[in-house]
Amino acid sequence: MLKIGQLARHAGLTVRTLHHYDSIGLLSPSARSDTGYRLYNRDDVTRLHRIQALRSFGMSLADIGTLLAGSGISSLSIIARQLAALERQISEAARMREQLLRMQRQLATGATPDLASWLTTLEHMTMYEKYFTQDELANLALYHDDKIKAEWRTLVEEVAQLLAAGTPPDHPAAKALGERWLHMLDRDTSGDPSVMARLNIMHENEPELQQSTGITPAIRDYIVGVIGAIKSAAYARYLLPEELERMRRHQMCRGMEWPPLIESVSRQMERDPDASSVEAKVLAGQWMALFHDMVGDKPDVIARFRTAVETEPVLQVGRGMRDDMLVWLRTALHRA
């Protein structure tokens, strides 16, 4: 059996983290020594592997606890999903290597562009190719259309000016730019929530993209607030002030959990259209937990929320979850 310090070293965690897992009932040691030290056996280590694997998929500790307590999820299924993620990383690294080799051959034959130009182009390409296939890039105007890029640069500059001037997110001028942002994003991603989600993730993960687009974290936070004000005005026709406040708090605290979840749902739907896998169950649990954190679980509130989404055009733009995604998630929940 392992003492807590030994397990922490093997798992790459802190002792404090394992104490926290114990305090919330997520991972309790199977025994204690005569002197009171926590002792972990093989079953405990197996459970810790499941916890850490599910954490790497983006699940909250509360959702993991619920899932492990109420399902027959197996270590085999979790390892299979980890292997699939690793295979995707290996594939991305292989594509990057091929691009580097092509650039090397071109430079060796005296290609016209200078090294700095090639490196800049390569950086941009590999950054996007971490998140999009070649077919998707061919249809992504934000990637290859200079006119669209210029239109976005202009919009970003206008938003930056409002931010610098201290313009409140609910000001009419800010809302006008927010509506342009929403409609341009919908236009340039063909309304595909998976593409929108990956653009969000890419902006979060890639500092180079923030520099090239001018969309700094401050600008991004501001435009999120502006879009939130636009959508809150639409929801206000259906929801009470305290219900709107709940949604606002959710957006501030957990709003960034939606893009990776939407992308994971989109990818899993391709692999498992019948929503019959363990992965589908995990994603459905995440979705339900996030949805209830945002809206609550009262049937009348949920009904009014759905009426708002179905009725208000502005709530359809950049919505995130398509109707077919929601059907797939509900199917997974029904089979859980």
C-alpha atoms as a PDB file:
ATOM      1  CA  MET A   1       0.000   0.000   0.000  1.00  0.00           C
ATOM      2  CA  LEU A   2       1.103   3.558  -0.693  1.00  0.00           C
ATOM      3  CA  LYS A   3       1.261   6.438   1.718  1.00  0.00           C
ATOM      4  CA  ILE A   4      -0.294   9.688   0.537  1.00  0.00           C
ATOM      5  CA  GLY A   5       3.073  11.291  -0.280  1.00  0.00           C
ATOM      6  CA  GLN A   6       4.107   8.315  -2.398  1.00  0.00           C
ATOM      7  CA  LEU A   7       0.830   8.312  -4.321  1.00  0.00           C
ATOM      8  CA  ALA A   8       1.052  12.066  -4.856  1.00  0.00           C
ATOM      9  CA  ARG A   9       4.551  11.724  -6.381  1.00  0.00           C
ATOM     10  CA  HIS A  10       3.527   8.893  -8.689  1.00  0.00           C
ATOM     11  CA  ALA A  11       0.385  10.753  -9.830  1.00  0.00           C
ATOM     12  CA  GLY A  12       2.034  14.152 -10.256  1.00  0.00           C
ATOM     13  CA  LEU A  13      -0.359  15.666  -7.736  1.00  0.00           C
ATOM     14  CA  THR A  14       0.071  17.493  -4.470  1.00  0.00           C
ATOM     15  CA  VAL A  15      -0.737  15.967  -1.107  1.00  0.00           C
ATOM     16  CA  ARG A  16      -3.153  18.842  -0.646  1.00  0.00           C
ATOM     17  CA  THR A  17      -5.079  17.731  -3.768  1.00  0.00           C
ATOM     18  CA  LEU A  18      -5.431  14.193  -2.427  1.00  0.00           C
ATOM     19  CA  HIS A  19      -6.582  15.593   0.909  1.00  0.00           C
ATOM     20  CA  HIS A  20      -9.228  17.565  -0.991  1.00  0.00           C
ATOM     21  CA  TYR A  21     -10.351  14.476  -2.924  1.00  0.00           C
ATOM     22  CA  ASP A  22     -10.750  12.693   0.408  1.00  0.00           C
ATOM     23  CA  SER A  23     -12.652  15.567   2.015  1.00  0.00           C
ATOM     24  CA  ILE A  24     -15.265  15.649  -0.774  1.00  0.00           C
ATOM     25  CA  GLY A  25     -15.625  11.862  -0.851  1.00  0.00           C
ATOM     26  CA  LEU A  26     -14.125  11.485  -4.313  1.00  0.00           C
ATOM     27  CA  LEU A  27     -11.146   9.332  -3.308  1.00  0.00           C
ATOM     28  CA  SER A  28     -10.837   8.036   0.243  1.00  0.00           C
ATOM     29  CA  PRO A  29      -7.989   5.729   1.309  1.00  0.00           C
ATOM     30  CA  SER A  30      -8.884   2.129   1.972  1.00  0.00           C
ATOM     31  CA  ALA A  31      -6.926   2.032   5.205  1.00  0.00           C
ATOM     32  CA  ARG A  32      -4.891   4.004   7.693  1.00  0.00           C
ATOM     33  CA  SER A  33      -1.695   3.078   9.475  1.00  0.00           C
ATOM     34  CA  ASP A  34      -1.432   2.734  13.236  1.00  0.00           C
ATOM     35  CA  THR A  35      -0.121   6.287  13.320  1.00  0.00           C
ATOM     36  CA  GLY A  36      -3.009   7.625  11.238  1.00  0.00           C
ATOM     37  CA  TYR A  37      -1.362   7.895   7.805  1.00  0.00           C
ATOM     38  CA  ARG A  38      -3.636   7.418   4.809  1.00  0.00           C
ATOM     39  CA  LEU A  39      -2.877   4.188   2.910  1.00  0.00           C
ATOM     40  CA  TYR A  40      -3.971   3.551  -0.694  1.00  0.00           C
ATOM     41  CA  ASN A  41      -4.281   0.135  -2.355  1.00  0.00           C
ATOM     42  CA  ARG A  42      -4.580  -0.927  -5.990  1.00  0.00           C
ATOM     43  CA  ASP A  43      -8.313  -0.218  -6.174  1.00  0.00           C
ATOM     44  CA  ASP A  44      -7.708   3.298  -4.858  1.00  0.00           C
ATOM     45  CA  VAL A  45      -5.034   3.898  -7.500  1.00  0.00           C
ATOM     46  CA  THR A  46      -7.383   2.553 -10.191  1.00  0.00           C
ATOM     47  CA  ARG A  47     -10.063   4.997  -9.056  1.00  0.00           C
ATOM     48  CA  LEU A  48      -7.535   7.851  -9.083  1.00  0.00           C
ATOM     49  CA  HIS A  49      -6.668   6.983 -12.678  1.00  0.00           C
ATOM     50  CA  ARG A  50     -10.346   7.249 -13.617  1.00  0.00           C
ATOM     51  CA  ILE A  51     -10.656  10.579 -11.816  1.00  0.00           C
ATOM     52  CA  GLN A  52      -7.600  12.082 -13.498  1.00  0.00           C
ATOM     53  CA  ALA A  53      -8.588  10.758 -16.919  1.00  0.00           C
ATOM     54  CA  LEU A  54     -12.078  12.228 -16.635  1.00  0.00           C
ATOM     55  CA  ARG A  55     -10.536  15.522 -15.431  1.00  0.00           C
ATOM     56  CA  SER A  56      -8.431  15.581 -18.598  1.00  0.00           C
ATOM     57  CA  PHE A  57     -11.685  15.329 -20.599  1.00  0.00           C
ATOM     58  CA  GLY A  58     -12.893  18.553 -18.947  1.00  0.00           C
ATOM     59  CA  MET A  59     -15.269  17.195 -16.316  1.00  0.00           C
ATOM     60  CA  SER A  60     -15.703  18.951 -12.974  1.00  0.00           C
ATOM     61  CA  LEU A  61     -14.973  17.074  -9.747  1.00  0.00           C
ATOM     62  CA  ALA A  62     -18.670  17.149  -8.819  1.00  0.00           C
ATOM     63  CA  ASP A  63     -19.658  15.595 -12.155  1.00  0.00           C
ATOM     64  CA  ILE A  64     -16.926  12.955 -11.835  1.00  0.00           C
ATOM     65  CA  GLY A  65     -18.173  11.992  -8.393  1.00  0.00           C
ATOM     66  CA  THR A  66     -21.728  11.628  -9.681  1.00  0.00           C
ATOM     67  CA  LEU A  67     -20.616   9.600 -12.692  1.00  0.00           C
ATOM     68  CA  LEU A  68     -18.395   7.205 -10.737  1.00  0.00           C
ATOM     69  CA  ALA A  69     -21.061   6.711  -8.078  1.00  0.00           C
ATOM     70  CA  GLY A  70     -23.863   5.909 -10.472  1.00  0.00           C
ATOM     71  CA  SER A  71     -22.459   4.146 -13.534  1.00  0.00           C
ATOM     72  CA  GLY A  72     -20.594   1.080 -14.604  1.00  0.00           C
ATOM     73  CA  ILE A  73     -17.908   3.064 -16.410  1.00  0.00           C
ATOM     74  CA  SER A  74     -14.820   0.907 -16.784  1.00  0.00           C
ATOM     75  CA  SER A  75     -11.091   1.546 -16.799  1.00  0.00           C
ATOM     76  CA  LEU A  76     -10.957  -0.148 -20.213  1.00  0.00           C
ATOM     77  CA  SER A  77     -13.331   2.434 -21.715  1.00  0.00           C
ATOM     78  CA  ILE A  78     -11.407   5.340 -20.185  1.00  0.00           C
ATOM     79  CA  ILE A  79      -8.039   4.020 -21.415  1.00  0.00           C
ATOM     80  CA  ALA A  80      -9.500   3.551 -24.904  1.00  0.00           C
ATOM     81  CA  ARG A  81     -10.549   7.192 -24.925  1.00  0.00           C
ATOM     82  CA  GLN A  82      -7.121   8.319 -23.684  1.00  0.00           C
ATOM     83  CA  LEU A  83      -5.460   6.317 -26.459  1.00  0.00           C
ATOM     84  CA  ALA A  84      -7.716   7.925 -29.066  1.00  0.00           C
ATOM     85  CA  ALA A  85      -6.736  11.394 -27.803  1.00  0.00           C
ATOM     86  CA  LEU A  86      -3.055  10.436 -27.906  1.00  0.00           C
ATOM     87  CA  GLU A  87      -3.401   9.147 -31.466  1.00  0.00           C
ATOM     88  CA  ARG A  88      -4.827  12.507 -32.527  1.00  0.00           C
ATOM     89  CA  GLN A  89      -1.854  14.291 -30.945  1.00  0.00           C
ATOM     90  CA  ILE A  90       0.584  11.975 -32.742  1.00  0.00           C
ATOM     91  CA  SER A  91      -1.211  12.616 -36.042  1.00  0.00           C
ATOM     92  CA  GLU A  92      -0.984  16.384 -35.514  1.00  0.00           C
ATOM     93  CA  ALA A  93       2.740  16.123 -34.731  1.00  0.00           C
ATOM     94  CA  ALA A  94       3.294  14.044 -37.889  1.00  0.00           C
ATOM     95  CA  ARG A  95       1.579  16.679 -40.046  1.00  0.00           C
ATOM     96  CA  MET A  96       3.721  19.395 -38.493  1.00  0.00           C
ATOM     97  CA  ARG A  97       6.866  17.361 -39.231  1.00  0.00           C
ATOM     98  CA  GLU A  98       5.882  17.010 -42.895  1.00  0.00           C
ATOM     99  CA  GLN A  99       5.399  20.752 -43.178  1.00  0.00           C
ATOM    100  CA  LEU A 100       8.820  21.393 -41.674  1.00  0.00           C
ATOM    101  CA  LEU A 101      10.404  18.961 -44.129  1.00  0.00           C
ATOM    102  CA  ARG A 102       8.669  20.643 -47.073  1.00  0.00           C
ATOM    103  CA  MET A 103       9.903  24.038 -45.926  1.00  0.00           C
ATOM    104  CA  GLN A 104      13.412  22.650 -45.531  1.00  0.00           C
ATOM    105  CA  ARG A 105      13.407  21.281 -49.100  1.00  0.00           C
ATOM    106  CA  GLN A 106      12.124  24.553 -50.525  1.00  0.00           C
ATOM    107  CA  LEU A 107      14.762  26.570 -48.747  1.00  0.00           C
ATOM    108  CA  ALA A 108      17.470  24.143 -49.902  1.00  0.00           C
ATOM    109  CA  THR A 109      16.496  24.751 -53.542  1.00  0.00           C
ATOM    110  CA  GLY A 110      16.642  28.523 -53.189  1.00  0.00           C
ATOM    111  CA  ALA A 111      12.941  29.273 -52.862  1.00  0.00           C
ATOM    112  CA  THR A 112      12.032  32.946 -53.249  1.00  0.00           C
ATOM    113  CA  PRO A 113      10.466  33.740 -49.837  1.00  0.00           C
ATOM    114  CA  ASP A 114      12.947  34.603 -47.109  1.00  0.00           C
ATOM    115  CA  LEU A 115      13.250  32.555 -43.957  1.00  0.00           C
ATOM    116  CA  ALA A 116      11.203  34.954 -41.829  1.00  0.00           C
ATOM    117  CA  SER A 117       8.293  34.766 -44.277  1.00  0.00           C
ATOM    118  CA  TRP A 118       8.370  31.008 -44.320  1.00  0.00           C
ATOM    119  CA  LEU A 119       8.525  30.775 -40.545  1.00  0.00           C
ATOM    120  CA  THR A 120       5.601  33.176 -40.153  1.00  0.00           C
ATOM    121  CA  THR A 121       3.538  31.231 -42.668  1.00  0.00           C
ATOM    122  CA  LEU A 122       4.474  27.923 -41.116  1.00  0.00           C
ATOM    123  CA  GLU A 123       3.582  29.111 -37.624  1.00  0.00           C
ATOM    124  CA  HIS A 124       0.179  30.255 -38.835  1.00  0.00           C
ATOM    125  CA  MET A 125      -0.510  27.026 -40.719  1.00  0.00           C
ATOM    126  CA  THR A 126       0.498  24.664 -37.953  1.00  0.00           C
ATOM    127  CA  MET A 127      -1.440  26.689 -35.417  1.00  0.00           C
ATOM    128  CA  TYR A 128      -4.663  26.346 -37.406  1.00  0.00           C
ATOM    129  CA  GLU A 129      -3.973  22.730 -38.338  1.00  0.00           C
ATOM    130  CA  LYS A 130      -3.933  21.786 -34.666  1.00  0.00           C
ATOM    131  CA  TYR A 131      -7.652  22.525 -34.658  1.00  0.00           C
ATOM    132  CA  PHE A 132      -8.979  22.152 -38.238  1.00  0.00           C
ATOM    133  CA  THR A 133      -8.714  19.654 -41.083  1.00  0.00           C
ATOM    134  CA  GLN A 134      -7.531  20.724 -44.525  1.00  0.00           C
ATOM    135  CA  ASP A 135     -11.104  20.545 -45.835  1.00  0.00           C
ATOM    136  CA  GLU A 136     -12.313  22.779 -43.008  1.00  0.00           C
ATOM    137  CA  LEU A 137      -9.520  25.263 -43.628  1.00  0.00           C
ATOM    138  CA  ALA A 138     -10.460  25.421 -47.312  1.00  0.00           C
ATOM    139  CA  ASN A 139     -13.951  26.571 -46.259  1.00  0.00           C
ATOM    140  CA  LEU A 140     -12.841  28.830 -43.403  1.00  0.00           C
ATOM    141  CA  ALA A 141     -12.860  32.375 -44.753  1.00  0.00           C
ATOM    142  CA  LEU A 142     -11.140  33.649 -41.622  1.00  0.00           C
ATOM    143  CA  TYR A 143      -8.112  31.585 -42.649  1.00  0.00           C
ATOM    144  CA  HIS A 144      -7.646  32.340 -46.348  1.00  0.00           C
ATOM    145  CA  ASP A 145      -9.821  35.315 -47.400  1.00  0.00           C
ATOM    146  CA  ASP A 146      -7.882  38.597 -47.142  1.00  0.00           C
ATOM    147  CA  LYS A 147     -11.039  40.684 -47.508  1.00  0.00           C
ATOM    148  CA  ILE A 148     -12.700  38.877 -44.593  1.00  0.00           C
ATOM    149  CA  LYS A 149      -9.537  39.230 -42.493  1.00  0.00           C
ATOM    150  CA  ALA A 150      -9.507  42.979 -43.160  1.00  0.00           C
ATOM    151  CA  GLU A 151     -13.183  43.246 -42.207  1.00  0.00           C
ATOM    152  CA  TRP A 152     -12.443  41.532 -38.897  1.00  0.00           C
ATOM    153  CA  ARG A 153      -9.436  43.762 -38.225  1.00  0.00           C
ATOM    154  CA  THR A 154     -11.655  46.810 -38.673  1.00  0.00           C
ATOM    155  CA  LEU A 155     -14.293  45.425 -36.320  1.00  0.00           C
ATOM    156  CA  VAL A 156     -11.699  44.503 -33.691  1.00  0.00           C
ATOM    157  CA  GLU A 157     -10.236  48.020 -33.850  1.00  0.00           C
ATOM    158  CA  GLU A 158     -13.694  49.539 -33.347  1.00  0.00           C
ATOM    159  CA  VAL A 159     -14.318  47.287 -30.351  1.00  0.00           C
ATOM    160  CA  ALA A 160     -10.892  48.208 -28.926  1.00  0.00           C
ATOM    161  CA  GLN A 161     -11.784  51.908 -29.195  1.00  0.00           C
ATOM    162  CA  LEU A 162     -15.016  51.415 -27.253  1.00  0.00           C
ATOM    163  CA  LEU A 163     -13.163  49.419 -24.613  1.00  0.00           C
ATOM    164  CA  ALA A 164     -10.477  52.110 -24.271  1.00  0.00           C
ATOM    165  CA  ALA A 165     -13.181  54.758 -23.911  1.00  0.00           C
ATOM    166  CA  GLY A 166     -14.806  52.841 -21.060  1.00  0.00           C
ATOM    167  CA  THR A 167     -18.053  52.276 -22.968  1.00  0.00           C
ATOM    168  CA  PRO A 168     -20.391  49.983 -20.964  1.00  0.00           C
ATOM    169  CA  PRO A 169     -21.212  46.636 -22.621  1.00  0.00           C
ATOM    170  CA  ASP A 170     -24.935  47.499 -22.662  1.00  0.00           C
ATOM    171  CA  HIS A 171     -24.393  50.838 -24.457  1.00  0.00           C
ATOM    172  CA  PRO A 172     -26.195  51.032 -27.853  1.00  0.00           C
ATOM    173  CA  ALA A 173     -22.893  51.568 -29.707  1.00  0.00           C
ATOM    174  CA  ALA A 174     -21.378  48.491 -28.058  1.00  0.00           C
ATOM    175  CA  LYS A 175     -24.476  46.414 -28.815  1.00  0.00           C
ATOM    176  CA  ALA A 176     -24.350  47.468 -32.469  1.00  0.00           C
ATOM    177  CA  LEU A 177     -20.786  46.168 -32.739  1.00  0.00           C
ATOM    178  CA  GLY A 178     -21.743  43.045 -30.804  1.00  0.00           C
ATOM    179  CA  GLU A 179     -24.487  42.242 -33.286  1.00  0.00           C
ATOM    180  CA  ARG A 180     -22.047  42.732 -36.173  1.00  0.00           C
ATOM    181  CA  TRP A 181     -19.617  40.394 -34.409  1.00  0.00           C
ATOM    182  CA  LEU A 182     -22.270  37.721 -33.972  1.00  0.00           C
ATOM    183  CA  HIS A 183     -23.472  37.861 -37.571  1.00  0.00           C
ATOM    184  CA  MET A 184     -19.955  37.920 -39.041  1.00  0.00           C
ATOM    185  CA  LEU A 185     -18.950  34.953 -36.899  1.00  0.00           C
ATOM    186  CA  ASP A 186     -22.048  33.059 -37.993  1.00  0.00           C
ATOM    187  CA  ARG A 187     -21.376  33.952 -41.641  1.00  0.00           C
ATOM    188  CA  ASP A 188     -17.666  33.068 -41.612  1.00  0.00           C
ATOM    189  CA  THR A 189     -18.107  29.730 -39.849  1.00  0.00           C
ATOM    190  CA  SER A 190     -21.237  28.769 -41.827  1.00  0.00           C
ATOM    191  CA  GLY A 191     -23.031  28.635 -38.485  1.00  0.00           C
ATOM    192  CA  ASP A 192     -21.098  25.501 -37.515  1.00  0.00           C
ATOM    193  CA  PRO A 193     -20.954  25.343 -33.687  1.00  0.00           C
ATOM    194  CA  SER A 194     -17.973  22.975 -33.805  1.00  0.00           C
ATOM    195  CA  VAL A 195     -15.941  25.466 -35.832  1.00  0.00           C
ATOM    196  CA  MET A 196     -17.000  28.314 -33.523  1.00  0.00           C
ATOM    197  CA  ALA A 197     -16.021  26.243 -30.497  1.00  0.00           C
ATOM    198  CA  ARG A 198     -12.586  25.451 -31.898  1.00  0.00           C
ATOM    199  CA  LEU A 199     -11.959  29.097 -32.776  1.00  0.00           C
ATOM    200  CA  ASN A 200     -12.740  29.920 -29.143  1.00  0.00           C
ATOM    201  CA  ILE A 201     -10.417  27.199 -27.898  1.00  0.00           C
ATOM    202  CA  MET A 202      -7.661  28.306 -30.277  1.00  0.00           C
ATOM    203  CA  HIS A 203      -7.881  31.924 -29.111  1.00  0.00           C
ATOM    204  CA  GLU A 204      -7.660  30.693 -25.542  1.00  0.00           C
ATOM    205  CA  ASN A 205      -4.622  28.479 -26.161  1.00  0.00           C
ATOM    206  CA  GLU A 206      -2.560  30.335 -28.785  1.00  0.00           C
ATOM    207  CA  PRO A 207      -0.946  33.680 -27.816  1.00  0.00           C
ATOM    208  CA  GLU A 208       0.318  34.066 -31.399  1.00  0.00           C
ATOM    209  CA  LEU A 209      -3.264  34.159 -32.685  1.00  0.00           C
ATOM    210  CA  GLN A 210      -4.183  36.840 -30.175  1.00  0.00           C
ATOM    211  CA  GLN A 211      -1.342  38.954 -31.557  1.00  0.00           C
ATOM    212  CA  SER A 212      -2.185  38.383 -35.229  1.00  0.00           C
ATOM    213  CA  THR A 213      -5.933  39.064 -34.857  1.00  0.00           C
ATOM    214  CA  GLY A 214      -5.659  41.801 -32.245  1.00  0.00           C
ATOM    215  CA  ILE A 215      -8.262  39.996 -30.123  1.00  0.00           C
ATOM    216  CA  THR A 216      -6.567  40.331 -26.755  1.00  0.00           C
ATOM    217  CA  PRO A 217      -8.018  38.693 -23.627  1.00  0.00           C
ATOM    218  CA  ALA A 218      -9.356  42.132 -22.612  1.00  0.00           C
ATOM    219  CA  ILE A 219     -11.126  42.621 -25.954  1.00  0.00           C
ATOM    220  CA  ARG A 220     -12.450  39.089 -25.834  1.00  0.00           C
ATOM    221  CA  ASP A 221     -13.840  39.567 -22.321  1.00  0.00           C
ATOM    222  CA  TYR A 222     -15.411  42.854 -23.386  1.00  0.00           C
ATOM    223  CA  ILE A 223     -17.128  41.456 -26.479  1.00  0.00           C
ATOM    224  CA  VAL A 224     -18.360  38.464 -24.444  1.00  0.00           C
ATOM    225  CA  GLY A 225     -19.916  40.986 -22.055  1.00  0.00           C
ATOM    226  CA  VAL A 226     -21.464  42.906 -24.940  1.00  0.00           C
ATOM    227  CA  ILE A 227     -22.955  39.761 -26.481  1.00  0.00           C
ATOM    228  CA  GLY A 228     -24.141  38.765 -23.017  1.00  0.00           C
ATOM    229  CA  ALA A 229     -25.950  42.113 -22.710  1.00  0.00           C
ATOM    230  CA  ILE A 230     -27.575  41.608 -26.116  1.00  0.00           C
ATOM    231  CA  LYS A 231     -28.798  38.135 -25.282  1.00  0.00           C
ATOM    232  CA  SER A 232     -29.848  39.097 -21.741  1.00  0.00           C
ATOM    233  CA  ALA A 233     -32.170  41.722 -23.222  1.00  0.00           C
ATOM    234  CA  ALA A 234     -33.802  38.999 -25.310  1.00  0.00           C
ATOM    235  CA  TYR A 235     -34.028  36.542 -22.408  1.00  0.00           C
ATOM    236  CA  ALA A 236     -35.496  39.280 -20.174  1.00  0.00           C
ATOM    237  CA  ARG A 237     -38.750  38.996 -22.111  1.00  0.00           C
ATOM    238  CA  TYR A 238     -39.141  35.444 -20.784  1.00  0.00           C
ATOM    239  CA  LEU A 239     -37.131  35.112 -17.558  1.00  0.00           C
ATOM    240  CA  LEU A 240     -37.303  36.802 -14.168  1.00  0.00           C
ATOM    241  CA  PRO A 241     -34.473  39.064 -12.916  1.00  0.00           C
ATOM    242  CA  GLU A 242     -33.166  36.417 -10.486  1.00  0.00           C
ATOM    243  CA  GLU A 243     -33.144  33.845 -13.288  1.00  0.00           C
ATOM    244  CA  LEU A 244     -31.190  36.220 -15.520  1.00  0.00           C
ATOM    245  CA  GLU A 245     -28.751  36.838 -12.671  1.00  0.00           C
ATOM    246  CA  ARG A 246     -28.162  33.099 -12.371  1.00  0.00           C
ATOM    247  CA  MET A 247     -27.328  32.945 -16.084  1.00  0.00           C
ATOM    248  CA  ARG A 248     -24.979  35.921 -15.748  1.00  0.00           C
ATOM    249  CA  ARG A 249     -23.090  34.278 -12.865  1.00  0.00           C
ATOM    250  CA  HIS A 250     -22.875  31.035 -14.833  1.00  0.00           C
ATOM    251  CA  GLN A 251     -21.414  32.845 -17.839  1.00  0.00           C
ATOM    252  CA  MET A 252     -18.802  34.555 -15.684  1.00  0.00           C
ATOM    253  CA  CYS A 253     -17.784  31.428 -13.767  1.00  0.00           C
ATOM    254  CA  ARG A 254     -18.308  28.555 -16.206  1.00  0.00           C
ATOM    255  CA  GLY A 255     -18.986  30.067 -19.615  1.00  0.00           C
ATOM    256  CA  MET A 256     -15.622  28.924 -20.987  1.00  0.00           C
ATOM    257  CA  GLU A 257     -16.562  25.291 -20.337  1.00  0.00           C
ATOM    258  CA  TRP A 258     -19.071  25.347 -23.209  1.00  0.00           C
ATOM    259  CA  PRO A 259     -16.748  25.578 -26.284  1.00  0.00           C
ATOM    260  CA  PRO A 260     -14.679  22.458 -25.470  1.00  0.00           C
ATOM    261  CA  LEU A 261     -17.851  20.577 -24.567  1.00  0.00           C
ATOM    262  CA  ILE A 262     -19.524  21.535 -27.852  1.00  0.00           C
ATOM    263  CA  GLU A 263     -16.449  20.435 -29.793  1.00  0.00           C
ATOM    264  CA  SER A 264     -16.262  17.125 -27.903  1.00  0.00           C
ATOM    265  CA  VAL A 265     -19.947  16.465 -28.600  1.00  0.00           C
ATOM    266  CA  SER A 266     -19.481  17.218 -32.293  1.00  0.00           C
ATOM    267  CA  ARG A 267     -16.545  14.819 -32.616  1.00  0.00           C
ATOM    268  CA  GLN A 268     -18.187  12.057 -30.595  1.00  0.00           C
ATOM    269  CA  MET A 269     -21.350  12.282 -32.686  1.00  0.00           C
ATOM    270  CA  GLU A 270     -19.278  11.397 -35.743  1.00  0.00           C
ATOM    271  CA  ARG A 271     -17.787   8.358 -34.019  1.00  0.00           C
ATOM    272  CA  ASP A 272     -20.950   7.277 -32.197  1.00  0.00           C
ATOM    273  CA  PRO A 273     -24.103   8.511 -33.971  1.00  0.00           C
ATOM    274  CA  ASP A 274     -26.317   6.249 -31.831  1.00  0.00           C
ATOM    275  CA  ALA A 275     -25.037   7.794 -28.555  1.00  0.00           C
ATOM    276  CA  SER A 276     -24.487   4.308 -27.153  1.00  0.00           C
ATOM    277  CA  SER A 277     -20.909   4.669 -25.846  1.00  0.00           C
ATOM    278  CA  VAL A 278     -19.552   5.462 -22.400  1.00  0.00           C
ATOM    279  CA  GLU A 279     -18.100   8.654 -23.891  1.00  0.00           C
ATOM    280  CA  ALA A 280     -21.596   9.758 -24.927  1.00  0.00           C
ATOM    281  CA  LYS A 281     -22.803   9.186 -21.367  1.00  0.00           C
ATOM    282  CA  VAL A 282     -19.918  11.241 -19.975  1.00  0.00           C
ATOM    283  CA  LEU A 283     -20.596  14.136 -22.351  1.00  0.00           C
ATOM    284  CA  ALA A 284     -24.340  14.045 -21.672  1.00  0.00           C
ATOM    285  CA  GLY A 285     -23.624  14.242 -17.957  1.00  0.00           C
ATOM    286  CA  GLN A 286     -21.363  17.245 -18.486  1.00  0.00           C
ATOM    287  CA  TRP A 287     -23.972  18.970 -20.637  1.00  0.00           C
ATOM    288  CA  MET A 288     -26.766  18.382 -18.137  1.00  0.00           C
ATOM    289  CA  ALA A 289     -24.635  19.632 -15.245  1.00  0.00           C
ATOM    290  CA  LEU A 290     -23.676  22.807 -17.139  1.00  0.00           C
ATOM    291  CA  PHE A 291     -27.238  23.413 -18.326  1.00  0.00           C
ATOM    292  CA  HIS A 292     -28.669  23.095 -14.820  1.00  0.00           C
ATOM    293  CA  ASP A 293     -25.945  25.350 -13.443  1.00  0.00           C
ATOM    294  CA  MET A 294     -26.993  27.959 -16.007  1.00  0.00           C
ATOM    295  CA  VAL A 295     -30.796  27.655 -15.918  1.00  0.00           C
ATOM    296  CA  GLY A 296     -31.606  25.577 -12.837  1.00  0.00           C
ATOM    297  CA  ASP A 297     -33.824  22.522 -12.749  1.00  0.00           C
ATOM    298  CA  LYS A 298     -37.322  23.971 -12.372  1.00  0.00           C
ATOM    299  CA  PRO A 299     -39.508  22.764 -15.284  1.00  0.00           C
ATOM    300  CA  ASP A 300     -41.268  26.126 -15.756  1.00  0.00           C
ATOM    301  CA  VAL A 301     -37.961  28.026 -15.974  1.00  0.00           C
ATOM    302  CA  ILE A 302     -36.532  25.497 -18.450  1.00  0.00           C
ATOM    303  CA  ALA A 303     -39.712  25.778 -20.551  1.00  0.00           C
ATOM    304  CA  ARG A 304     -39.482  29.575 -20.668  1.00  0.00           C
ATOM    305  CA  PHE A 305     -35.774  29.390 -21.510  1.00  0.00           C
ATOM    306  CA  ARG A 306     -36.457  27.061 -24.441  1.00  0.00           C
ATOM    307  CA  THR A 307     -39.299  29.272 -25.671  1.00  0.00           C
ATOM    308  CA  ALA A 308     -36.906  32.226 -25.683  1.00  0.00           C
ATOM    309  CA  VAL A 309     -34.293  30.316 -27.687  1.00  0.00           C
ATOM    310  CA  GLU A 310     -36.885  29.128 -30.205  1.00  0.00           C
ATOM    311  CA  THR A 311     -38.541  32.560 -30.564  1.00  0.00           C
ATOM    312  CA  GLU A 312     -35.779  35.195 -30.467  1.00  0.00           C
ATOM    313  CA  PRO A 313     -33.646  35.407 -33.671  1.00  0.00           C
ATOM    314  CA  VAL A 314     -30.638  36.880 -31.833  1.00  0.00           C
ATOM    315  CA  LEU A 315     -30.523  33.811 -29.579  1.00  0.00           C
ATOM    316  CA  GLN A 316     -30.221  31.563 -32.629  1.00  0.00           C
ATOM    317  CA  VAL A 317     -27.015  33.270 -33.813  1.00  0.00           C
ATOM    318  CA  GLY A 318     -23.899  31.700 -32.320  1.00  0.00           C
ATOM    319  CA  ARG A 319     -26.137  29.430 -30.295  1.00  0.00           C
ATOM    320  CA  GLY A 320     -23.543  26.699 -29.866  1.00  0.00           C
ATOM    321  CA  MET A 321     -25.590  23.532 -29.543  1.00  0.00           C
ATOM    322  CA  ARG A 322     -27.502  22.532 -32.681  1.00  0.00           C
ATOM    323  CA  ASP A 323     -30.842  20.764 -32.385  1.00  0.00           C
ATOM    324  CA  ASP A 324     -29.298  17.470 -33.567  1.00  0.00           C
ATOM    325  CA  MET A 325     -26.674  17.753 -30.816  1.00  0.00           C
ATOM    326  CA  LEU A 326     -29.383  18.191 -28.192  1.00  0.00           C
ATOM    327  CA  VAL A 327     -31.277  15.153 -29.509  1.00  0.00           C
ATOM    328  CA  TRP A 328     -28.043  13.111 -29.390  1.00  0.00           C
ATOM    329  CA  LEU A 329     -27.302  14.211 -25.807  1.00  0.00           C
ATOM    330  CA  ARG A 330     -30.824  13.409 -24.636  1.00  0.00           C
ATOM    331  CA  THR A 331     -30.558   9.988 -26.256  1.00  0.00           C
ATOM    332  CA  ALA A 332     -27.326   9.362 -24.329  1.00  0.00           C
ATOM    333  CA  LEU A 333     -29.001  10.414 -21.089  1.00  0.00           C
ATOM    334  CA  HIS A 334     -31.976   8.135 -21.769  1.00  0.00           C
ATOM    335  CA  ARG A 335     -29.626   5.190 -22.262  1.00  0.00           C
ATOM    336  CA  ALA A 336     -27.580   5.973 -19.156  1.00  0.00           C
END
